Amino acid sequence: MIDAEKLRALVVYLGDPPFGGNHYVGSDYAIARMKEASASILTLVEERDRLTTPRPFEQWYEDHGNVLWHLMPICEPPFCGTPLDSNWPYFEGDEERLWWTQIPDAGAIDQRWNALTSASTNREAE
């Protein structure tokens, strides 16, 4: 999912010169800022797509490791693991309906949680 904080920062960034200031839009400065903003948006969209685009069973291989397995159409929570697991809940006949998605990066979630909780702690202290 796209990080709303990054998008807000990007909007503020675009509100600075040249977009909200004295530089004209065709200047080298403006073009450089637009390229940076475009790259940031592209990175966010790619990350969202990486986490939300389902891939068919046959595209999984061992290097992917644990992923979330969905039996389509989705009617139950996904299975987290690999087809090599001893508790693999699916059958060979399910493979046509079996799709997988990446697991979100727990380290990034933890960093975001730390940032949110430290920000709220700082506000409470004020």
N, C-alpha and C. Protein backbone atom coordinates (compact mmCIF):
# COMPACT_ATOMS: atom_id res chain seq x y z
N MET A 1 0.84 -1.17 0.00
CA MET A 1 0.00 0.00 0.00
C MET A 1 0.89 1.25 0.00
N ILE A 2 0.44 2.28 -0.64
CA ILE A 2 1.22 3.51 -0.71
C ILE A 2 1.23 4.19 0.65
N ASP A 3 2.41 4.61 1.10
CA ASP A 3 2.58 5.27 2.38
C ASP A 3 2.04 6.69 2.30
N ALA A 4 0.99 6.98 3.04
CA ALA A 4 0.36 8.29 3.00
C ALA A 4 1.31 9.39 3.46
N GLU A 5 2.17 9.08 4.41
CA GLU A 5 3.13 10.09 4.89
C GLU A 5 4.09 10.51 3.78
N LYS A 6 4.55 9.56 2.99
CA LYS A 6 5.45 9.88 1.88
C LYS A 6 4.73 10.73 0.84
N LEU A 7 3.46 10.41 0.59
CA LEU A 7 2.70 11.22 -0.36
C LEU A 7 2.47 12.63 0.16
N ARG A 8 2.18 12.76 1.47
CA ARG A 8 2.02 14.10 2.04
C ARG A 8 3.31 14.90 1.93
N ALA A 9 4.43 14.25 2.21
CA ALA A 9 5.73 14.91 2.10
C ALA A 9 5.99 15.33 0.66
N LEU A 10 5.57 14.50 -0.28
CA LEU A 10 5.75 14.83 -1.69
C LEU A 10 4.91 16.04 -2.08
N VAL A 11 3.70 16.11 -1.56
CA VAL A 11 2.83 17.26 -1.85
C VAL A 11 3.45 18.54 -1.29
N VAL A 12 3.97 18.47 -0.07
CA VAL A 12 4.65 19.63 0.52
C VAL A 12 5.86 20.00 -0.32
N TYR A 13 6.61 18.97 -0.72
CA TYR A 13 7.80 19.17 -1.55
C TYR A 13 7.43 19.90 -2.84
N LEU A 14 6.33 19.48 -3.47
CA LEU A 14 5.90 20.11 -4.70
C LEU A 14 5.33 21.51 -4.47
N GLY A 15 4.95 21.82 -3.23
CA GLY A 15 4.43 23.15 -2.91
C GLY A 15 5.54 24.18 -2.77
N ASP A 16 6.78 23.70 -2.56
CA ASP A 16 7.94 24.59 -2.48
C ASP A 16 8.30 25.07 -3.88
N PRO A 17 9.20 26.05 -3.98
CA PRO A 17 9.67 26.47 -5.29
C PRO A 17 10.22 25.24 -6.03
N PRO A 18 9.98 25.10 -7.30
CA PRO A 18 9.48 26.09 -8.23
C PRO A 18 7.97 26.12 -8.37
N PHE A 19 7.27 25.17 -7.74
CA PHE A 19 5.85 25.04 -7.98
C PHE A 19 5.04 26.09 -7.22
N GLY A 20 5.48 26.47 -6.05
CA GLY A 20 4.74 27.46 -5.29
C GLY A 20 5.56 28.70 -5.04
N GLY A 21 6.70 28.80 -5.69
CA GLY A 21 7.60 29.90 -5.40
C GLY A 21 7.95 30.72 -6.62
N ASN A 22 9.21 31.17 -6.66
CA ASN A 22 9.63 32.12 -7.67
C ASN A 22 10.22 31.50 -8.93
N HIS A 23 10.54 30.20 -8.93
CA HIS A 23 11.14 29.57 -10.10
C HIS A 23 10.07 29.24 -11.12
N TYR A 24 10.38 29.43 -12.39
CA TYR A 24 9.40 29.08 -13.41
C TYR A 24 9.46 27.59 -13.71
N VAL A 25 8.36 27.05 -14.18
CA VAL A 25 8.19 25.60 -14.31
C VAL A 25 9.18 24.97 -15.28
N GLY A 26 9.66 25.66 -16.30
CA GLY A 26 10.57 25.10 -17.28
C GLY A 26 12.04 25.15 -16.88
N SER A 27 12.35 25.66 -15.72
CA SER A 27 13.75 25.80 -15.31
C SER A 27 14.37 24.44 -15.02
N ASP A 28 15.72 24.39 -15.04
CA ASP A 28 16.43 23.15 -14.72
C ASP A 28 16.08 22.68 -13.32
N TYR A 29 15.92 23.64 -12.40
CA TYR A 29 15.56 23.32 -11.02
C TYR A 29 14.20 22.63 -10.98
N ALA A 30 13.24 23.19 -11.70
CA ALA A 30 11.89 22.62 -11.71
C ALA A 30 11.89 21.24 -12.34
N ILE A 31 12.62 21.07 -13.40
CA ILE A 31 12.68 19.77 -14.07
C ILE A 31 13.31 18.73 -13.15
N ALA A 32 14.38 19.09 -12.46
CA ALA A 32 15.03 18.17 -11.52
C ALA A 32 14.08 17.77 -10.40
N ARG A 33 13.34 18.73 -9.86
CA ARG A 33 12.39 18.42 -8.78
C ARG A 33 11.27 17.51 -9.29
N MET A 34 10.80 17.74 -10.51
CA MET A 34 9.75 16.89 -11.08
C MET A 34 10.26 15.46 -11.28
N LYS A 35 11.52 15.31 -11.73
CA LYS A 35 12.08 13.98 -11.92
C LYS A 35 12.19 13.25 -10.57
N GLU A 36 12.63 13.96 -9.54
CA GLU A 36 12.72 13.36 -8.21
C GLU A 36 11.34 12.94 -7.71
N ALA A 37 10.35 13.81 -7.91
CA ALA A 37 8.99 13.49 -7.46
C ALA A 37 8.43 12.30 -8.22
N SER A 38 8.67 12.25 -9.51
CA SER A 38 8.20 11.12 -10.33
C SER A 38 8.83 9.82 -9.88
N ALA A 39 10.13 9.85 -9.58
CA ALA A 39 10.82 8.65 -9.12
C ALA A 39 10.25 8.17 -7.78
N SER A 40 9.94 9.11 -6.88
CA SER A 40 9.36 8.74 -5.59
C SER A 40 8.00 8.09 -5.75
N ILE A 41 7.18 8.66 -6.61
CA ILE A 41 5.85 8.09 -6.85
C ILE A 41 5.97 6.71 -7.47
N LEU A 42 6.87 6.56 -8.43
CA LEU A 42 7.07 5.27 -9.07
C LEU A 42 7.51 4.21 -8.06
N THR A 43 8.41 4.56 -7.17
CA THR A 43 8.87 3.63 -6.14
C THR A 43 7.71 3.19 -5.25
N LEU A 44 6.87 4.12 -4.86
CA LEU A 44 5.72 3.79 -4.02
C LEU A 44 4.75 2.86 -4.73
N VAL A 45 4.48 3.13 -5.99
CA VAL A 45 3.55 2.31 -6.76
C VAL A 45 4.13 0.91 -6.97
N GLU A 46 5.42 0.83 -7.25
CA GLU A 46 6.05 -0.48 -7.42
C GLU A 46 5.99 -1.30 -6.14
N GLU A 47 6.21 -0.67 -5.00
CA GLU A 47 6.14 -1.38 -3.72
C GLU A 47 4.72 -1.87 -3.46
N ARG A 48 3.74 -1.02 -3.73
CA ARG A 48 2.34 -1.44 -3.56
C ARG A 48 2.03 -2.63 -4.46
N ASP A 49 2.46 -2.55 -5.72
CA ASP A 49 2.20 -3.63 -6.66
C ASP A 49 2.90 -4.92 -6.24
N ARG A 50 4.12 -4.82 -5.72
CA ARG A 50 4.87 -6.00 -5.28
C ARG A 50 4.10 -6.74 -4.18
N LEU A 51 3.46 -5.98 -3.31
CA LEU A 51 2.76 -6.60 -2.18
C LEU A 51 1.34 -7.05 -2.51
N THR A 52 0.73 -6.47 -3.54
CA THR A 52 -0.69 -6.76 -3.78
C THR A 52 -0.98 -7.51 -5.07
N THR A 53 0.02 -7.73 -5.92
CA THR A 53 -0.21 -8.44 -7.18
C THR A 53 -0.10 -9.94 -6.96
N PRO A 54 -1.22 -10.66 -7.12
CA PRO A 54 -1.15 -12.12 -6.95
C PRO A 54 -0.42 -12.77 -8.13
N ARG A 55 0.34 -13.80 -7.82
CA ARG A 55 1.09 -14.55 -8.84
C ARG A 55 0.61 -16.00 -8.80
N PRO A 56 0.56 -16.66 -9.95
CA PRO A 56 0.08 -18.05 -9.98
C PRO A 56 1.05 -19.01 -9.31
N PHE A 57 0.53 -20.12 -8.90
CA PHE A 57 1.29 -21.15 -8.20
C PHE A 57 2.61 -21.48 -8.92
N GLU A 58 2.56 -21.64 -10.23
CA GLU A 58 3.75 -22.09 -10.97
C GLU A 58 4.88 -21.06 -11.01
N GLN A 59 4.62 -19.81 -10.59
CA GLN A 59 5.69 -18.80 -10.56
C GLN A 59 6.46 -18.80 -9.23
N TRP A 60 6.01 -19.59 -8.27
CA TRP A 60 6.72 -19.65 -6.99
C TRP A 60 7.90 -20.62 -7.12
N TYR A 61 9.03 -20.27 -6.51
CA TYR A 61 10.16 -21.19 -6.38
C TYR A 61 10.79 -20.97 -5.01
N GLU A 62 11.64 -21.86 -4.60
CA GLU A 62 12.16 -21.87 -3.22
C GLU A 62 12.77 -20.56 -2.77
N ASP A 63 13.40 -19.82 -3.68
CA ASP A 63 14.04 -18.56 -3.30
C ASP A 63 13.04 -17.52 -2.80
N HIS A 64 11.76 -17.67 -3.15
CA HIS A 64 10.74 -16.74 -2.65
C HIS A 64 10.49 -16.95 -1.16
N GLY A 65 10.77 -18.16 -0.68
CA GLY A 65 10.54 -18.45 0.74
C GLY A 65 9.07 -18.42 1.09
N ASN A 66 8.79 -18.05 2.34
CA ASN A 66 7.40 -17.99 2.81
C ASN A 66 6.67 -16.86 2.11
N VAL A 67 5.47 -17.16 1.66
CA VAL A 67 4.59 -16.17 1.04
C VAL A 67 3.18 -16.42 1.54
N LEU A 68 2.26 -15.58 1.16
CA LEU A 68 0.85 -15.76 1.51
C LEU A 68 0.15 -16.46 0.34
N TRP A 69 -0.45 -17.61 0.62
CA TRP A 69 -1.13 -18.41 -0.40
C TRP A 69 -2.63 -18.18 -0.31
N HIS A 70 -3.23 -17.86 -1.45
CA HIS A 70 -4.67 -17.57 -1.53
C HIS A 70 -5.31 -18.56 -2.49
N LEU A 71 -6.40 -19.17 -2.06
CA LEU A 71 -7.19 -20.03 -2.94
C LEU A 71 -8.28 -19.13 -3.52
N MET A 72 -8.24 -18.92 -4.83
CA MET A 72 -9.14 -17.98 -5.48
C MET A 72 -10.44 -18.65 -5.87
N PRO A 73 -11.58 -17.94 -5.79
CA PRO A 73 -11.71 -16.61 -5.18
C PRO A 73 -11.50 -16.70 -3.67
N ILE A 74 -11.03 -15.61 -3.11
CA ILE A 74 -10.67 -15.60 -1.69
C ILE A 74 -11.93 -15.72 -0.82
N CYS A 75 -11.97 -16.80 -0.04
CA CYS A 75 -13.09 -17.05 0.87
C CYS A 75 -12.60 -17.33 2.29
N GLU A 76 -11.28 -17.42 2.45
CA GLU A 76 -10.71 -17.74 3.76
C GLU A 76 -9.36 -17.03 3.88
N PRO A 77 -8.83 -16.92 5.10
CA PRO A 77 -7.53 -16.28 5.27
C PRO A 77 -6.44 -17.05 4.52
N PRO A 78 -5.39 -16.35 4.11
CA PRO A 78 -4.32 -17.03 3.37
C PRO A 78 -3.49 -17.94 4.27
N PHE A 79 -2.83 -18.90 3.65
CA PHE A 79 -1.87 -19.74 4.34
C PHE A 79 -0.50 -19.09 4.18
N CYS A 80 0.25 -18.99 5.26
CA CYS A 80 1.59 -18.43 5.22
C CYS A 80 2.60 -19.57 5.27
N GLY A 81 3.39 -19.70 4.22
CA GLY A 81 4.39 -20.75 4.19
C GLY A 81 4.80 -21.06 2.77
N THR A 82 5.23 -22.32 2.57
CA THR A 82 5.68 -22.77 1.25
C THR A 82 5.04 -24.12 0.94
N PRO A 83 5.03 -24.50 -0.34
CA PRO A 83 4.52 -25.84 -0.69
C PRO A 83 5.37 -26.97 -0.12
N LEU A 84 6.54 -26.63 0.39
CA LEU A 84 7.44 -27.64 0.97
C LEU A 84 7.13 -27.92 2.44
N ASP A 85 6.27 -27.11 3.04
CA ASP A 85 5.93 -27.27 4.46
C ASP A 85 5.15 -28.56 4.70
N SER A 86 5.40 -29.18 5.85
CA SER A 86 4.70 -30.42 6.19
C SER A 86 3.20 -30.18 6.43
N ASN A 87 2.83 -28.95 6.78
CA ASN A 87 1.41 -28.66 7.03
C ASN A 87 0.75 -27.96 5.84
N TRP A 88 1.30 -28.14 4.63
CA TRP A 88 0.74 -27.55 3.41
C TRP A 88 -0.71 -28.00 3.26
N PRO A 89 -1.66 -27.05 3.26
CA PRO A 89 -3.08 -27.43 3.31
C PRO A 89 -3.74 -27.70 1.96
N TYR A 90 -3.02 -27.56 0.87
CA TYR A 90 -3.64 -27.65 -0.45
C TYR A 90 -3.30 -28.96 -1.15
N PHE A 91 -4.12 -29.30 -2.16
CA PHE A 91 -3.95 -30.52 -2.93
C PHE A 91 -3.50 -30.17 -4.35
N GLU A 92 -3.02 -31.17 -5.07
CA GLU A 92 -2.54 -30.94 -6.43
C GLU A 92 -3.63 -30.33 -7.31
N GLY A 93 -4.87 -30.71 -7.10
CA GLY A 93 -5.99 -30.17 -7.88
C GLY A 93 -6.28 -28.70 -7.60
N ASP A 94 -5.74 -28.18 -6.50
CA ASP A 94 -5.97 -26.77 -6.15
C ASP A 94 -5.03 -25.81 -6.89
N GLU A 95 -3.98 -26.33 -7.51
CA GLU A 95 -2.93 -25.47 -8.06
C GLU A 95 -3.45 -24.45 -9.07
N GLU A 96 -4.46 -24.79 -9.82
CA GLU A 96 -5.01 -23.85 -10.80
C GLU A 96 -5.64 -22.62 -10.13
N ARG A 97 -6.20 -22.82 -8.94
CA ARG A 97 -6.84 -21.72 -8.20
C ARG A 97 -5.93 -21.11 -7.14
N LEU A 98 -4.70 -21.60 -7.03
CA LEU A 98 -3.78 -21.19 -5.98
C LEU A 98 -2.86 -20.08 -6.47
N TRP A 99 -2.90 -18.94 -5.79
CA TRP A 99 -2.09 -17.78 -6.13
C TRP A 99 -1.39 -17.31 -4.86
N TRP A 100 -0.28 -16.57 -5.02
CA TRP A 100 0.48 -16.12 -3.85
C TRP A 100 0.86 -14.65 -3.97
N THR A 101 1.07 -14.04 -2.81
CA THR A 101 1.55 -12.66 -2.72
C THR A 101 2.70 -12.62 -1.72
N GLN A 102 3.54 -11.60 -1.85
CA GLN A 102 4.65 -11.42 -0.94
C GLN A 102 4.13 -11.08 0.46
N ILE A 103 4.93 -11.40 1.45
CA ILE A 103 4.63 -11.02 2.83
C ILE A 103 5.21 -9.62 3.04
N PRO A 104 4.45 -8.70 3.65
CA PRO A 104 5.01 -7.37 3.92
C PRO A 104 6.27 -7.46 4.77
N ASP A 105 7.17 -6.52 4.59
CA ASP A 105 8.44 -6.48 5.32
C ASP A 105 8.18 -6.11 6.78
N ALA A 106 8.37 -7.07 7.67
CA ALA A 106 8.11 -6.83 9.10
C ALA A 106 9.05 -5.77 9.66
N GLY A 107 10.27 -5.70 9.14
CA GLY A 107 11.21 -4.67 9.60
C GLY A 107 10.69 -3.28 9.30
N ALA A 108 10.12 -3.09 8.11
CA ALA A 108 9.56 -1.79 7.74
C ALA A 108 8.33 -1.47 8.59
N ILE A 109 7.52 -2.47 8.87
CA ILE A 109 6.35 -2.27 9.73
C ILE A 109 6.80 -1.86 11.13
N ASP A 110 7.82 -2.52 11.65
CA ASP A 110 8.34 -2.20 12.97
C ASP A 110 8.90 -0.78 13.02
N GLN A 111 9.65 -0.38 11.99
CA GLN A 111 10.18 0.99 11.93
C GLN A 111 9.05 2.01 11.92
N ARG A 112 8.01 1.72 11.13
CA ARG A 112 6.87 2.64 11.04
C ARG A 112 6.15 2.73 12.39
N TRP A 113 5.98 1.58 13.05
CA TRP A 113 5.33 1.57 14.37
C TRP A 113 6.16 2.37 15.36
N ASN A 114 7.49 2.17 15.36
CA ASN A 114 8.36 2.93 16.25
C ASN A 114 8.25 4.43 16.01
N ALA A 115 8.20 4.82 14.74
CA ALA A 115 8.06 6.24 14.41
C ALA A 115 6.73 6.79 14.90
N LEU A 116 5.67 6.01 14.72
CA LEU A 116 4.34 6.47 15.17
C LEU A 116 4.25 6.57 16.69
N THR A 117 4.77 5.56 17.38
CA THR A 117 4.66 5.58 18.85
C THR A 117 5.58 6.63 19.46
N SER A 118 6.76 6.85 18.87
CA SER A 118 7.64 7.89 19.42
C SER A 118 7.06 9.27 19.14
N ALA A 119 6.38 9.44 17.99
CA ALA A 119 5.75 10.73 17.69
C ALA A 119 4.62 11.01 18.67
N SER A 120 3.82 9.98 18.99
CA SER A 120 2.72 10.21 19.94
C SER A 120 3.24 10.44 21.35
N THR A 121 4.35 9.77 21.70
CA THR A 121 4.98 9.99 23.02
C THR A 121 5.50 11.41 23.13
N ASN A 122 6.10 11.90 22.05
CA ASN A 122 6.61 13.26 22.03
C ASN A 122 5.48 14.29 22.16
N ARG A 123 4.34 14.00 21.50
CA ARG A 123 3.20 14.93 21.60
C ARG A 123 2.64 14.96 23.02
N GLU A 124 2.59 13.79 23.66
CA GLU A 124 2.07 13.71 25.03
C GLU A 124 2.97 14.45 26.00
N ALA A 125 4.26 14.44 25.74
CA ALA A 125 5.23 15.10 26.62
C ALA A 125 5.13 16.63 26.54
N GLU A 126 4.62 17.12 25.41
CA GLU A 126 4.52 18.57 25.23
C GLU A 126 3.41 19.15 26.00
